[in-house]
Amino acid sequence: LMAAMRRGEDLQNRGSPELDRFMWEHHLYDWGTAVIYSDSRAAEIFVQYAEKGARRLCRFLEEWIGGVHGKRLLYVGSGNDRLVSLPLEQAGAFMVNLDVVSDSLEDLMAAGAENCVCGDIRRLPFRAEAFDVVFSKGSLHHSQPIAEPLRAMARVVKRGGHIIAAEPSKYSRLPRFLLPAGLGHPTPYENALSRRQVARILAKDGVDQLHFTALTHVPPGTPAPLANLWERLGQAMPWLFDRFAFEFIVHGKRGDGVE
């Protein structure tokens, strides 16, 4: 599959797209793990990118929802992201991690996560209004059309609760020529998103008080001097640089109109 993907072949199994999408997500996790363990440069890029994004997302959650202690949080498409899940759990949140790839959840539980659920983000297996906060990081663009997972997220968050979606921007591309082989290759079921696209769907689902910010300004693999300058400028002038950020955050609160 990886070799065929690099050749630019059409890899979708049009006879069974649901099974094919499921298998691709498992392959993606296996490939990423193999590349990181076999290539020290890939590991360095991945770790730096993951740590930076995790710190900023945790800080954003703490600031915008008034702390996480005692609150019920659902991490949609968590994978094995211990850098986000474990600090929030240690801060007193009741964390539930959901992903379609069971291997990633087993790794997360081995790291100490208490609550992991294997499931499809388009059909969240929870009752309505079960959570105070529902958030995702880099998983929506794997699940097209994104209206389905966003509607599911709006259903399971309580009225007045927070929905947060962090995604790579369709307008900021990965410098793949700078990345080790195996990193930065999308599956046939991925489509890059814009922040306005996500916000428009959330608004239709009864989520209001929407606003935008940046998660990370610089794509992974960017040379360090340029990356440091770009991030400093982004922090100093968010009104200008946030719109060009590599990853955006859309944050809103559920109103009363969600069914």
C-alpha atoms as a PDB file:
ATOM      1  CA  LEU A   1       0.000   0.000   0.000  1.00  0.00           C
ATOM      2  CA  MET A   2       2.759   2.458   0.891  1.00  0.00           C
ATOM      3  CA  ALA A   3       4.634   1.772  -2.357  1.00  0.00           C
ATOM      4  CA  ALA A   4       1.461   2.168  -4.404  1.00  0.00           C
ATOM      5  CA  MET A   5       0.647   5.402  -2.595  1.00  0.00           C
ATOM      6  CA  ARG A   6       4.063   6.841  -3.436  1.00  0.00           C
ATOM      7  CA  ARG A   7       3.477   5.974  -7.096  1.00  0.00           C
ATOM      8  CA  GLY A   8       0.295   8.040  -7.045  1.00  0.00           C
ATOM      9  CA  GLU A   9      -2.059   5.149  -7.781  1.00  0.00           C
ATOM     10  CA  ASP A  10      -5.778   5.221  -7.001  1.00  0.00           C
ATOM     11  CA  LEU A  11      -5.895   3.185  -3.809  1.00  0.00           C
ATOM     12  CA  GLN A  12      -9.528   3.373  -2.830  1.00  0.00           C
ATOM     13  CA  ASN A  13     -11.478   0.126  -2.672  1.00  0.00           C
ATOM     14  CA  ARG A  14     -14.709   1.400  -4.169  1.00  0.00           C
ATOM     15  CA  GLY A  15     -16.472  -1.887  -3.527  1.00  0.00           C
ATOM     16  CA  SER A  16     -16.180  -1.605   0.254  1.00  0.00           C
ATOM     17  CA  PRO A  17     -15.233   1.973   1.221  1.00  0.00           C
ATOM     18  CA  GLU A  18     -16.086   1.590   4.912  1.00  0.00           C
ATOM     19  CA  LEU A  19     -13.857  -1.453   5.366  1.00  0.00           C
ATOM     20  CA  ASP A  20     -11.175   0.167   3.238  1.00  0.00           C
ATOM     21  CA  ARG A  21     -11.187   3.358   5.328  1.00  0.00           C
ATOM     22  CA  PHE A  22     -10.957   1.296   8.509  1.00  0.00           C
ATOM     23  CA  MET A  23      -7.982  -0.670   7.169  1.00  0.00           C
ATOM     24  CA  TRP A  24      -6.226   2.494   6.020  1.00  0.00           C
ATOM     25  CA  GLU A  25      -6.422   3.986   9.523  1.00  0.00           C
ATOM     26  CA  HIS A  26      -4.794   0.856  10.947  1.00  0.00           C
ATOM     27  CA  HIS A  27      -2.087   0.899   8.265  1.00  0.00           C
ATOM     28  CA  LEU A  28      -1.451   4.592   8.909  1.00  0.00           C
ATOM     29  CA  TYR A  29      -0.841   3.933  12.594  1.00  0.00           C
ATOM     30  CA  ASP A  30       1.459   0.986  11.867  1.00  0.00           C
ATOM     31  CA  TRP A  31       3.446   2.933   9.265  1.00  0.00           C
ATOM     32  CA  GLY A  32       3.867   5.958  11.492  1.00  0.00           C
ATOM     33  CA  THR A  33       5.093   3.780  14.342  1.00  0.00           C
ATOM     34  CA  ALA A  34       7.545   1.935  12.093  1.00  0.00           C
ATOM     35  CA  VAL A  35       8.963   5.141  10.597  1.00  0.00           C
ATOM     36  CA  ILE A  36       9.432   6.805  13.978  1.00  0.00           C
ATOM     37  CA  TYR A  37      11.222   3.781  15.443  1.00  0.00           C
ATOM     38  CA  SER A  38      13.465   3.245  12.409  1.00  0.00           C
ATOM     39  CA  ASP A  39      14.440   6.828  11.524  1.00  0.00           C
ATOM     40  CA  SER A  40      15.925   9.080  14.211  1.00  0.00           C
ATOM     41  CA  ARG A  41      15.257  12.249  12.222  1.00  0.00           C
ATOM     42  CA  ALA A  42      11.622  11.276  11.730  1.00  0.00           C
ATOM     43  CA  ALA A  43      11.358  10.607  15.455  1.00  0.00           C
ATOM     44  CA  GLU A  44      12.844  14.006  16.299  1.00  0.00           C
ATOM     45  CA  ILE A  45      10.469  15.857  13.958  1.00  0.00           C
ATOM     46  CA  PHE A  46       7.458  13.942  15.233  1.00  0.00           C
ATOM     47  CA  VAL A  47       8.307  14.384  18.925  1.00  0.00           C
ATOM     48  CA  GLN A  48       8.936  18.123  18.627  1.00  0.00           C
ATOM     49  CA  TYR A  49       5.734  18.645  16.664  1.00  0.00           C
ATOM     50  CA  ALA A  50       3.665  16.461  19.010  1.00  0.00           C
ATOM     51  CA  GLU A  51       5.015  18.058  22.182  1.00  0.00           C
ATOM     52  CA  LYS A  52       4.456  21.599  20.927  1.00  0.00           C
ATOM     53  CA  GLY A  53       0.890  20.891  19.811  1.00  0.00           C
ATOM     54  CA  ALA A  54       0.042  19.002  23.011  1.00  0.00           C
ATOM     55  CA  ARG A  55       1.289  21.788  25.278  1.00  0.00           C
ATOM     56  CA  ARG A  56      -0.684  24.411  23.415  1.00  0.00           C
ATOM     57  CA  LEU A  57      -3.865  22.367  23.249  1.00  0.00           C
ATOM     58  CA  CYS A  58      -3.765  21.572  26.976  1.00  0.00           C
ATOM     59  CA  ARG A  59      -3.111  25.226  27.782  1.00  0.00           C
ATOM     60  CA  PHE A  60      -5.959  26.288  25.488  1.00  0.00           C
ATOM     61  CA  LEU A  61      -8.354  23.863  27.172  1.00  0.00           C
ATOM     62  CA  GLU A  62      -7.378  25.046  30.643  1.00  0.00           C
ATOM     63  CA  GLU A  63      -7.781  28.718  29.714  1.00  0.00           C
ATOM     64  CA  TRP A  64     -10.963  28.620  27.662  1.00  0.00           C
ATOM     65  CA  ILE A  65     -13.051  26.209  29.690  1.00  0.00           C
ATOM     66  CA  GLY A  66     -11.985  27.523  33.083  1.00  0.00           C
ATOM     67  CA  GLY A  67      -9.910  24.520  34.141  1.00  0.00           C
ATOM     68  CA  VAL A  68     -10.612  20.829  33.619  1.00  0.00           C
ATOM     69  CA  HIS A  69     -10.842  19.548  37.196  1.00  0.00           C
ATOM     70  CA  GLY A  70     -14.084  17.634  37.745  1.00  0.00           C
ATOM     71  CA  LYS A  71     -15.202  17.990  34.118  1.00  0.00           C
ATOM     72  CA  ARG A  72     -16.052  15.239  31.638  1.00  0.00           C
ATOM     73  CA  LEU A  73     -13.886  15.443  28.523  1.00  0.00           C
ATOM     74  CA  LEU A  74     -14.136  13.384  25.331  1.00  0.00           C
ATOM     75  CA  TYR A  75     -11.046  13.266  23.118  1.00  0.00           C
ATOM     76  CA  VAL A  76     -12.334  12.325  19.656  1.00  0.00           C
ATOM     77  CA  GLY A  77      -9.725  10.523  17.545  1.00  0.00           C
ATOM     78  CA  SER A  78      -7.230  10.403  20.395  1.00  0.00           C
ATOM     79  CA  GLY A  79      -4.970   7.714  18.964  1.00  0.00           C
ATOM     80  CA  ASN A  80      -2.222   7.074  21.494  1.00  0.00           C
ATOM     81  CA  ASP A  81      -1.815  10.762  22.361  1.00  0.00           C
ATOM     82  CA  ARG A  82      -0.561  10.447  25.922  1.00  0.00           C
ATOM     83  CA  LEU A  83       0.847  13.992  25.751  1.00  0.00           C
ATOM     84  CA  VAL A  84      -2.698  15.375  25.806  1.00  0.00           C
ATOM     85  CA  SER A  85      -4.746  12.701  27.552  1.00  0.00           C
ATOM     86  CA  LEU A  86      -2.551  12.012  30.572  1.00  0.00           C
ATOM     87  CA  PRO A  87      -1.888  15.635  31.644  1.00  0.00           C
ATOM     88  CA  LEU A  88      -5.604  16.430  31.464  1.00  0.00           C
ATOM     89  CA  GLU A  89      -6.443  13.317  33.460  1.00  0.00           C
ATOM     90  CA  GLN A  90      -3.786  14.213  36.029  1.00  0.00           C
ATOM     91  CA  ALA A  91      -5.298  17.702  36.270  1.00  0.00           C
ATOM     92  CA  GLY A  92      -8.543  16.136  37.492  1.00  0.00           C
ATOM     93  CA  ALA A  93     -10.565  15.692  34.308  1.00  0.00           C
ATOM     94  CA  PHE A  94     -12.682  12.591  33.709  1.00  0.00           C
ATOM     95  CA  MET A  95     -11.114  11.713  30.359  1.00  0.00           C
ATOM     96  CA  VAL A  96     -12.607   9.433  27.715  1.00  0.00           C
ATOM     97  CA  ASN A  97     -10.399   8.696  24.699  1.00  0.00           C
ATOM     98  CA  LEU A  98     -12.016   7.429  21.497  1.00  0.00           C
ATOM     99  CA  ASP A  99     -10.372   6.110  18.344  1.00  0.00           C
ATOM    100  CA  VAL A 100     -11.140   3.623  15.576  1.00  0.00           C
ATOM    101  CA  VAL A 101      -7.681   2.007  15.860  1.00  0.00           C
ATOM    102  CA  SER A 102      -7.654  -0.371  18.818  1.00  0.00           C
ATOM    103  CA  ASP A 103      -3.851  -0.764  18.820  1.00  0.00           C
ATOM    104  CA  SER A 104      -3.388   2.931  19.516  1.00  0.00           C
ATOM    105  CA  LEU A 105      -5.811   2.767  22.440  1.00  0.00           C
ATOM    106  CA  GLU A 106      -3.998  -0.244  23.877  1.00  0.00           C
ATOM    107  CA  ASP A 107      -0.782   1.788  23.789  1.00  0.00           C
ATOM    108  CA  LEU A 108      -2.541   4.699  25.480  1.00  0.00           C
ATOM    109  CA  MET A 109      -3.927   2.476  28.229  1.00  0.00           C
ATOM    110  CA  ALA A 110      -0.474   0.954  28.748  1.00  0.00           C
ATOM    111  CA  ALA A 111       0.787   4.501  29.315  1.00  0.00           C
ATOM    112  CA  GLY A 112      -1.781   4.982  32.081  1.00  0.00           C
ATOM    113  CA  ALA A 113      -4.988   6.268  30.488  1.00  0.00           C
ATOM    114  CA  GLU A 114      -8.064   5.108  32.402  1.00  0.00           C
ATOM    115  CA  ASN A 115     -10.900   5.239  29.862  1.00  0.00           C
ATOM    116  CA  CYS A 116     -10.491   4.256  26.202  1.00  0.00           C
ATOM    117  CA  VAL A 117     -13.283   3.398  23.763  1.00  0.00           C
ATOM    118  CA  CYS A 118     -12.833   1.932  20.285  1.00  0.00           C
ATOM    119  CA  GLY A 119     -15.405   3.490  17.968  1.00  0.00           C
ATOM    120  CA  ASP A 120     -16.195   5.557  14.885  1.00  0.00           C
ATOM    121  CA  ILE A 121     -16.090   9.326  15.373  1.00  0.00           C
ATOM    122  CA  ARG A 122     -19.077   9.658  13.038  1.00  0.00           C
ATOM    123  CA  ARG A 123     -21.246   7.551  15.362  1.00  0.00           C
ATOM    124  CA  LEU A 124     -20.125   8.352  18.878  1.00  0.00           C
ATOM    125  CA  PRO A 125     -21.414   5.597  21.217  1.00  0.00           C
ATOM    126  CA  PHE A 126     -22.506   7.907  24.035  1.00  0.00           C
ATOM    127  CA  ARG A 127     -25.790   9.350  25.250  1.00  0.00           C
ATOM    128  CA  ALA A 128     -26.745  12.910  24.365  1.00  0.00           C
ATOM    129  CA  GLU A 129     -25.170  15.652  26.499  1.00  0.00           C
ATOM    130  CA  ALA A 130     -22.773  13.223  28.175  1.00  0.00           C
ATOM    131  CA  PHE A 131     -19.731  15.534  28.223  1.00  0.00           C
ATOM    132  CA  ASP A 132     -18.771  19.023  29.329  1.00  0.00           C
ATOM    133  CA  VAL A 133     -16.114  19.280  26.619  1.00  0.00           C
ATOM    134  CA  VAL A 134     -15.673  17.415  23.328  1.00  0.00           C
ATOM    135  CA  PHE A 135     -12.492  18.038  21.368  1.00  0.00           C
ATOM    136  CA  SER A 136     -10.468  16.629  18.503  1.00  0.00           C
ATOM    137  CA  LYS A 137      -6.934  17.167  17.220  1.00  0.00           C
ATOM    138  CA  GLY A 138      -6.061  16.275  13.656  1.00  0.00           C
ATOM    139  CA  SER A 139      -8.726  13.603  13.187  1.00  0.00           C
ATOM    140  CA  LEU A 140     -11.637  15.279  11.383  1.00  0.00           C
ATOM    141  CA  HIS A 141      -9.892  15.423   8.012  1.00  0.00           C
ATOM    142  CA  HIS A 142      -9.657  11.606   8.119  1.00  0.00           C
ATOM    143  CA  SER A 143     -13.454  11.310   8.256  1.00  0.00           C
ATOM    144  CA  GLN A 144     -15.266  12.701   5.238  1.00  0.00           C
ATOM    145  CA  PRO A 145     -17.794  14.234   5.034  1.00  0.00           C
ATOM    146  CA  ILE A 146     -16.847  16.078   8.226  1.00  0.00           C
ATOM    147  CA  ALA A 147     -20.444  17.107   8.899  1.00  0.00           C
ATOM    148  CA  GLU A 148     -21.030  13.617  10.337  1.00  0.00           C
ATOM    149  CA  PRO A 149     -18.409  13.678  13.128  1.00  0.00           C
ATOM    150  CA  LEU A 150     -19.127  17.334  13.919  1.00  0.00           C
ATOM    151  CA  ARG A 151     -22.833  16.580  14.295  1.00  0.00           C
ATOM    152  CA  ALA A 152     -21.988  13.639  16.556  1.00  0.00           C
ATOM    153  CA  MET A 153     -19.731  15.853  18.679  1.00  0.00           C
ATOM    154  CA  ALA A 154     -22.482  18.464  19.031  1.00  0.00           C
ATOM    155  CA  ARG A 155     -24.942  15.784  20.122  1.00  0.00           C
ATOM    156  CA  VAL A 156     -22.857  14.395  22.988  1.00  0.00           C
ATOM    157  CA  VAL A 157     -21.744  17.719  24.491  1.00  0.00           C
ATOM    158  CA  LYS A 158     -24.057  19.316  27.040  1.00  0.00           C
ATOM    159  CA  ARG A 159     -25.870  22.599  26.410  1.00  0.00           C
ATOM    160  CA  GLY A 160     -23.408  25.345  27.146  1.00  0.00           C
ATOM    161  CA  GLY A 161     -20.547  22.866  26.797  1.00  0.00           C
ATOM    162  CA  HIS A 162     -17.460  23.393  24.664  1.00  0.00           C
ATOM    163  CA  ILE A 163     -16.559  21.941  21.268  1.00  0.00           C
ATOM    164  CA  ILE A 164     -12.966  22.347  20.112  1.00  0.00           C
ATOM    165  CA  ALA A 165     -11.554  21.176  16.783  1.00  0.00           C
ATOM    166  CA  ALA A 166      -7.860  21.497  15.891  1.00  0.00           C
ATOM    167  CA  GLU A 167      -6.875  20.670  12.307  1.00  0.00           C
ATOM    168  CA  PRO A 168      -4.100  21.215   9.767  1.00  0.00           C
ATOM    169  CA  SER A 169      -5.104  24.025   7.422  1.00  0.00           C
ATOM    170  CA  LYS A 170      -5.715  23.301   3.759  1.00  0.00           C
ATOM    171  CA  TYR A 171      -3.868  26.535   2.985  1.00  0.00           C
ATOM    172  CA  SER A 172      -0.612  25.525   4.711  1.00  0.00           C
ATOM    173  CA  ARG A 173       1.090  22.551   3.109  1.00  0.00           C
ATOM    174  CA  LEU A 174       3.644  20.181   4.584  1.00  0.00           C
ATOM    175  CA  PRO A 175       7.154  20.603   3.120  1.00  0.00           C
ATOM    176  CA  ARG A 176       7.316  16.917   2.211  1.00  0.00           C
ATOM    177  CA  PHE A 177      10.688  17.221   0.510  1.00  0.00           C
ATOM    178  CA  LEU A 178      12.079  18.079   3.962  1.00  0.00           C
ATOM    179  CA  LEU A 179      10.447  15.101   5.662  1.00  0.00           C
ATOM    180  CA  PRO A 180      11.862  11.562   5.954  1.00  0.00           C
ATOM    181  CA  ALA A 181      10.218   8.970   3.711  1.00  0.00           C
ATOM    182  CA  GLY A 182       6.999   7.708   5.252  1.00  0.00           C
ATOM    183  CA  LEU A 183       5.977  10.906   7.026  1.00  0.00           C
ATOM    184  CA  GLY A 184       3.353  13.260   5.663  1.00  0.00           C
ATOM    185  CA  HIS A 185       1.613  10.829   3.300  1.00  0.00           C
ATOM    186  CA  PRO A 186      -2.189  11.118   3.435  1.00  0.00           C
ATOM    187  CA  THR A 187      -4.562   8.221   2.934  1.00  0.00           C
ATOM    188  CA  PRO A 188      -7.063   8.303   0.039  1.00  0.00           C
ATOM    189  CA  TYR A 189      -9.769   9.272   2.545  1.00  0.00           C
ATOM    190  CA  GLU A 190      -8.143  12.457   3.848  1.00  0.00           C
ATOM    191  CA  ASN A 191      -9.056  15.952   2.695  1.00  0.00           C
ATOM    192  CA  ALA A 192      -7.531  19.106   4.142  1.00  0.00           C
ATOM    193  CA  LEU A 193      -9.927  21.521   5.842  1.00  0.00           C
ATOM    194  CA  SER A 194     -10.298  25.243   6.336  1.00  0.00           C
ATOM    195  CA  ARG A 195     -11.302  26.819   9.628  1.00  0.00           C
ATOM    196  CA  ARG A 196     -14.318  28.490   8.043  1.00  0.00           C
ATOM    197  CA  GLN A 197     -15.497  25.147   6.673  1.00  0.00           C
ATOM    198  CA  VAL A 198     -15.466  23.648  10.182  1.00  0.00           C
ATOM    199  CA  ALA A 199     -17.106  26.726  11.727  1.00  0.00           C
ATOM    200  CA  ARG A 200     -19.857  26.815   9.111  1.00  0.00           C
ATOM    201  CA  ILE A 201     -20.874  23.219   9.861  1.00  0.00           C
ATOM    202  CA  LEU A 202     -20.733  23.729  13.636  1.00  0.00           C
ATOM    203  CA  ALA A 203     -22.966  26.786  13.336  1.00  0.00           C
ATOM    204  CA  LYS A 204     -25.563  24.704  11.469  1.00  0.00           C
ATOM    205  CA  ASP A 205     -25.421  22.172  14.320  1.00  0.00           C
ATOM    206  CA  GLY A 206     -26.328  24.783  16.927  1.00  0.00           C
ATOM    207  CA  VAL A 207     -22.819  25.647  18.104  1.00  0.00           C
ATOM    208  CA  ASP A 208     -22.322  29.372  18.620  1.00  0.00           C
ATOM    209  CA  GLN A 209     -19.818  31.850  20.101  1.00  0.00           C
ATOM    210  CA  LEU A 210     -17.358  30.546  17.526  1.00  0.00           C
ATOM    211  CA  HIS A 211     -13.839  31.903  17.336  1.00  0.00           C
ATOM    212  CA  PHE A 212     -10.515  30.954  15.751  1.00  0.00           C
ATOM    213  CA  THR A 213      -6.930  30.747  16.902  1.00  0.00           C
ATOM    214  CA  ALA A 214      -3.758  28.870  15.946  1.00  0.00           C
ATOM    215  CA  LEU A 215      -2.485  25.629  17.432  1.00  0.00           C
ATOM    216  CA  THR A 216       0.892  25.623  15.665  1.00  0.00           C
ATOM    217  CA  HIS A 217       2.055  28.219  13.165  1.00  0.00           C
ATOM    218  CA  VAL A 218       4.857  26.217  11.555  1.00  0.00           C
ATOM    219  CA  PRO A 219       4.670  22.906   9.637  1.00  0.00           C
ATOM    220  CA  PRO A 220       6.773  20.045  11.046  1.00  0.00           C
ATOM    221  CA  GLY A 221      10.105  19.722   9.301  1.00  0.00           C
ATOM    222  CA  THR A 222      10.605  23.482   8.883  1.00  0.00           C
ATOM    223  CA  PRO A 223      14.278  24.407   9.541  1.00  0.00           C
ATOM    224  CA  ALA A 224      14.718  25.525  13.152  1.00  0.00           C
ATOM    225  CA  PRO A 225      15.799  29.171  12.551  1.00  0.00           C
ATOM    226  CA  LEU A 226      12.822  29.829  10.287  1.00  0.00           C
ATOM    227  CA  ALA A 227      10.457  27.907  12.579  1.00  0.00           C
ATOM    228  CA  ASN A 228      11.518  29.883  15.659  1.00  0.00           C
ATOM    229  CA  LEU A 229      11.109  33.219  13.865  1.00  0.00           C
ATOM    230  CA  TRP A 230       7.744  32.210  12.414  1.00  0.00           C
ATOM    231  CA  GLU A 231       6.425  31.100  15.816  1.00  0.00           C
ATOM    232  CA  ARG A 232       7.612  34.313  17.507  1.00  0.00           C
ATOM    233  CA  LEU A 233       5.919  36.423  14.866  1.00  0.00           C
ATOM    234  CA  GLY A 234       2.780  34.320  15.226  1.00  0.00           C
ATOM    235  CA  GLN A 235       2.676  34.886  18.969  1.00  0.00           C
ATOM    236  CA  ALA A 236       3.373  38.613  18.595  1.00  0.00           C
ATOM    237  CA  MET A 237       0.916  39.248  15.747  1.00  0.00           C
ATOM    238  CA  PRO A 238      -1.805  36.580  15.907  1.00  0.00           C
ATOM    239  CA  TRP A 239      -4.233  38.854  14.052  1.00  0.00           C
ATOM    240  CA  LEU A 240      -1.994  38.447  10.989  1.00  0.00           C
ATOM    241  CA  PHE A 241      -0.250  35.094  11.343  1.00  0.00           C
ATOM    242  CA  ASP A 242      -3.093  32.968  12.725  1.00  0.00           C
ATOM    243  CA  ARG A 243      -4.829  32.968   9.363  1.00  0.00           C
ATOM    244  CA  PHE A 244      -1.726  31.373   7.791  1.00  0.00           C
ATOM    245  CA  ALA A 245      -1.016  28.925  10.618  1.00  0.00           C
ATOM    246  CA  PHE A 246      -0.250  25.285   9.860  1.00  0.00           C
ATOM    247  CA  GLU A 247      -2.895  24.170  12.388  1.00  0.00           C
ATOM    248  CA  PHE A 248      -5.979  26.108  13.418  1.00  0.00           C
ATOM    249  CA  ILE A 249      -8.360  25.760  16.354  1.00  0.00           C
ATOM    250  CA  VAL A 250     -12.103  26.369  16.120  1.00  0.00           C
ATOM    251  CA  HIS A 251     -13.811  26.747  19.485  1.00  0.00           C
ATOM    252  CA  GLY A 252     -17.516  27.151  20.201  1.00  0.00           C
ATOM    253  CA  LYS A 253     -20.234  26.480  22.750  1.00  0.00           C
ATOM    254  CA  ARG A 254     -23.321  24.392  22.200  1.00  0.00           C
ATOM    255  CA  GLY A 255     -26.558  26.345  22.183  1.00  0.00           C
ATOM    256  CA  ASP A 256     -30.080  25.063  22.747  1.00  0.00           C
ATOM    257  CA  GLY A 257     -30.883  24.091  19.164  1.00  0.00           C
ATOM    258  CA  VAL A 258     -29.049  20.753  18.902  1.00  0.00           C
ATOM    259  CA  GLU A 259     -31.190  17.645  18.621  1.00  0.00           C
END
